[in-house]
C-alpha atoms as a PDB file:
ATOM      1  CA  MET A   1     -32.030 -60.065 -33.001  1.00  0.00           C
ATOM      2  CA  ALA A   2     -32.427 -57.026 -30.748  1.00  0.00           C
ATOM      3  CA  GLY A   3     -30.172 -54.040 -31.281  1.00  0.00           C
ATOM      4  CA  PHE A   4     -28.413 -52.131 -28.602  1.00  0.00           C
ATOM      5  CA  GLY A   5     -29.078 -48.526 -27.752  1.00  0.00           C
ATOM      6  CA  MET A   6     -27.073 -45.946 -25.900  1.00  0.00           C
ATOM      7  CA  ALA A   7     -24.552 -47.222 -23.336  1.00  0.00           C
ATOM      8  CA  GLY A   8     -24.968 -50.798 -24.600  1.00  0.00           C
ATOM      9  CA  PHE A   9     -28.439 -51.257 -23.130  1.00  0.00           C
ATOM     10  CA  PRO A  10     -30.962 -53.146 -25.253  1.00  0.00           C
ATOM     11  CA  ALA A  11     -32.817 -50.873 -27.662  1.00  0.00           C
ATOM     12  CA  GLY A  12     -36.574 -50.630 -27.556  1.00  0.00           C
ATOM     13  CA  GLY A  13     -36.999 -50.119 -23.821  1.00  0.00           C
ATOM     14  CA  GLY A  14     -35.820 -53.580 -22.783  1.00  0.00           C
ATOM     15  CA  GLY A  15     -33.569 -54.193 -19.848  1.00  0.00           C
ATOM     16  CA  THR A  16     -33.983 -54.007 -16.140  1.00  0.00           C
ATOM     17  CA  GLN A  17     -35.743 -51.241 -14.300  1.00  0.00           C
ATOM     18  CA  ALA A  18     -32.384 -49.888 -13.126  1.00  0.00           C
ATOM     19  CA  GLU A  19     -31.174 -49.687 -16.746  1.00  0.00           C
ATOM     20  CA  GLN A  20     -34.362 -47.896 -17.771  1.00  0.00           C
ATOM     21  CA  GLN A  21     -33.975 -45.422 -14.903  1.00  0.00           C
ATOM     22  CA  MET A  22     -30.345 -44.823 -15.905  1.00  0.00           C
ATOM     23  CA  MET A  23     -31.392 -44.193 -19.521  1.00  0.00           C
ATOM     24  CA  GLN A  24     -34.104 -41.767 -18.342  1.00  0.00           C
ATOM     25  CA  MET A  25     -31.609 -39.942 -16.143  1.00  0.00           C
ATOM     26  CA  MET A  26     -29.102 -39.715 -19.023  1.00  0.00           C
ATOM     27  CA  HIS A  27     -31.828 -38.369 -21.312  1.00  0.00           C
ATOM     28  CA  GLU A  28     -32.797 -35.721 -18.750  1.00  0.00           C
ATOM     29  CA  MET A  29     -29.152 -34.706 -18.343  1.00  0.00           C
ATOM     30  CA  GLN A  30     -28.809 -34.340 -22.121  1.00  0.00           C
ATOM     31  CA  VAL A  31     -31.925 -32.159 -22.283  1.00  0.00           C
ATOM     32  CA  GLN A  32     -30.637 -29.982 -19.431  1.00  0.00           C
ATOM     33  CA  ASP A  33     -27.241 -29.669 -21.095  1.00  0.00           C
ATOM     34  CA  SER A  34     -28.851 -28.695 -24.416  1.00  0.00           C
ATOM     35  CA  LEU A  35     -30.971 -26.032 -22.707  1.00  0.00           C
ATOM     36  CA  ARG A  36     -27.966 -24.692 -20.799  1.00  0.00           C
ATOM     37  CA  MET A  37     -25.959 -24.464 -24.006  1.00  0.00           C
ATOM     38  CA  TYR A  38     -28.816 -22.752 -25.870  1.00  0.00           C
ATOM     39  CA  ASN A  39     -29.263 -20.226 -23.061  1.00  0.00           C
ATOM     40  CA  GLU A  40     -25.523 -19.503 -23.009  1.00  0.00           C
ATOM     41  CA  LEU A  41     -25.524 -18.982 -26.783  1.00  0.00           C
ATOM     42  CA  VAL A  42     -28.466 -16.565 -26.620  1.00  0.00           C
ATOM     43  CA  HIS A  43     -27.009 -14.666 -23.665  1.00  0.00           C
ATOM     44  CA  ARG A  44     -23.552 -14.343 -25.193  1.00  0.00           C
ATOM     45  CA  CYS A  45     -24.551 -13.510 -28.775  1.00  0.00           C
ATOM     46  CA  PHE A  46     -27.371 -11.151 -27.814  1.00  0.00           C
ATOM     47  CA  GLY A  47     -25.135  -9.288 -25.383  1.00  0.00           C
ATOM     48  CA  ASP A  48     -22.287  -9.017 -27.864  1.00  0.00           C
ATOM     49  CA  CYS A  49     -24.306  -8.143 -30.963  1.00  0.00           C
ATOM     50  CA  VAL A  50     -27.487  -6.251 -30.104  1.00  0.00           C
ATOM     51  CA  ASP A  51     -26.834  -2.574 -29.431  1.00  0.00           C
ATOM     52  CA  GLY A  52     -30.311  -1.325 -28.731  1.00  0.00           C
ATOM     53  CA  PHE A  53     -34.001  -1.694 -29.261  1.00  0.00           C
ATOM     54  CA  ARG A  54     -34.593   0.883 -31.981  1.00  0.00           C
ATOM     55  CA  SER A  55     -36.853  -1.473 -33.949  1.00  0.00           C
ATOM     56  CA  LYS A  56     -38.576  -4.857 -33.766  1.00  0.00           C
ATOM     57  CA  LYS A  57     -36.033  -6.406 -36.101  1.00  0.00           C
ATOM     58  CA  LEU A  58     -32.277  -6.688 -35.975  1.00  0.00           C
ATOM     59  CA  ASP A  59     -30.459  -4.380 -38.342  1.00  0.00           C
ATOM     60  CA  GLY A  60     -28.105  -5.891 -40.921  1.00  0.00           C
ATOM     61  CA  LYS A  61     -25.002  -5.453 -38.771  1.00  0.00           C
ATOM     62  CA  GLU A  62     -26.659  -7.034 -35.723  1.00  0.00           C
ATOM     63  CA  GLU A  63     -28.059  -9.935 -37.736  1.00  0.00           C
ATOM     64  CA  ALA A  64     -24.660 -10.666 -39.312  1.00  0.00           C
ATOM     65  CA  CYS A  65     -23.024 -10.510 -35.877  1.00  0.00           C
ATOM     66  CA  VAL A  66     -25.580 -12.864 -34.301  1.00  0.00           C
ATOM     67  CA  THR A  67     -25.223 -15.333 -37.182  1.00  0.00           C
ATOM     68  CA  LYS A  68     -21.429 -15.294 -36.948  1.00  0.00           C
ATOM     69  CA  CYS A  69     -21.496 -15.551 -33.142  1.00  0.00           C
ATOM     70  CA  ALA A  70     -23.949 -18.468 -33.124  1.00  0.00           C
ATOM     71  CA  ASP A  71     -21.989 -20.304 -35.816  1.00  0.00           C
ATOM     72  CA  LYS A  72     -18.746 -19.845 -33.896  1.00  0.00           C
ATOM     73  CA  PHE A  73     -20.361 -20.901 -30.603  1.00  0.00           C
ATOM     74  CA  ILE A  74     -21.824 -24.084 -32.126  1.00  0.00           C
ATOM     75  CA  LYS A  75     -18.555 -25.035 -33.850  1.00  0.00           C
ATOM     76  CA  THR A  76     -16.592 -24.413 -30.660  1.00  0.00           C
ATOM     77  CA  ALA A  77     -19.021 -26.493 -28.588  1.00  0.00           C
ATOM     78  CA  ALA A  78     -18.872 -29.327 -31.137  1.00  0.00           C
ATOM     79  CA  ARG A  79     -15.069 -29.261 -31.134  1.00  0.00           C
ATOM     80  CA  ALA A  80     -14.956 -29.247 -27.334  1.00  0.00           C
ATOM     81  CA  GLY A  81     -17.325 -32.221 -27.309  1.00  0.00           C
ATOM     82  CA  MET A  82     -15.119 -34.079 -29.776  1.00  0.00           C
ATOM     83  CA  ARG A  83     -11.997 -33.381 -27.710  1.00  0.00           C
ATOM     84  CA  PHE A  84     -13.776 -34.535 -24.561  1.00  0.00           C
ATOM     85  CA  ALA A  85     -14.789 -37.772 -26.292  1.00  0.00           C
ATOM     86  CA  GLU A  86     -11.216 -38.272 -27.539  1.00  0.00           C
ATOM     87  CA  GLU A  87      -9.845 -37.781 -24.022  1.00  0.00           C
ATOM     88  CA  GLN A  88     -12.429 -40.155 -22.552  1.00  0.00           C
ATOM     89  CA  GLN A  89     -11.534 -42.768 -25.172  1.00  0.00           C
ATOM     90  CA  ALA A  90      -7.818 -42.363 -24.432  1.00  0.00           C
ATOM     91  CA  MET A  91      -8.429 -42.711 -20.696  1.00  0.00           C
ATOM     92  CA  LEU A  92     -10.545 -45.821 -21.271  1.00  0.00           C
ATOM     93  CA  GLN A  93      -7.860 -47.296 -23.512  1.00  0.00           C
ATOM     94  CA  ASP A  94      -5.176 -46.522 -20.909  1.00  0.00           C
ATOM     95  CA  ALA A  95      -7.277 -48.148 -18.187  1.00  0.00           C
ATOM     96  CA  GLN A  96      -7.859 -51.220 -20.341  1.00  0.00           C
ATOM     97  CA  ASN A  97      -4.157 -51.445 -21.194  1.00  0.00           C
ATOM     98  CA  ALA A  98      -3.245 -51.133 -17.517  1.00  0.00           C
ATOM     99  CA  GLY A  99      -5.741 -53.868 -16.672  1.00  0.00           C
ATOM    100  CA  VAL A 100      -4.382 -56.177 -19.356  1.00  0.00           C
ATOM    101  CA  ALA A 101      -0.776 -55.450 -18.416  1.00  0.00           C
ATOM    102  CA  GLY A 102      -1.583 -56.047 -14.744  1.00  0.00           C
ATOM    103  CA  SER A 103      -3.138 -59.441 -15.475  1.00  0.00           C
ATOM    104  CA  LEU A 104      -0.251 -60.740 -17.606  1.00  0.00           C
ATOM    105  CA  PRO A 105       2.292 -62.906 -15.850  1.00  0.00           C
ATOM    106  CA  LYS A 106       5.545 -61.123 -15.196  1.00  0.00           C
ATOM    107  CA  MET A 107       8.593 -62.395 -16.961  1.00  0.00           C
ATOM    108  CA  PRO A 108      11.486 -63.352 -14.686  1.00  0.00           C
ATOM    109  CA  GLY A 109      14.214 -60.734 -14.667  1.00  0.00           C
ATOM    110  CA  ARG A 110      11.975 -57.938 -15.989  1.00  0.00           C
END
């Protein structure tokens, strides 16, 4: 029995051409988002932590700052992603509940 991949489309490249194009577009958006996030992390942490170019390597203070900054950035991004997913799930649940409630027959006098 075939499994299902992302967004409920058949895994293994099956599905219609439109589904395959949608999966390709979603993949490209994920890659772009990952690159944007990486660039933001580098820009922010480098700007906040690196004071100068006195040597080829970061000094101990700069290295500790970059490590702490990157860790904080990644944890914050992960938490924001989790909250976004929670909100999306709540909205989906609300929409489903509204759809179910709207399709139920109304009781007389209520």
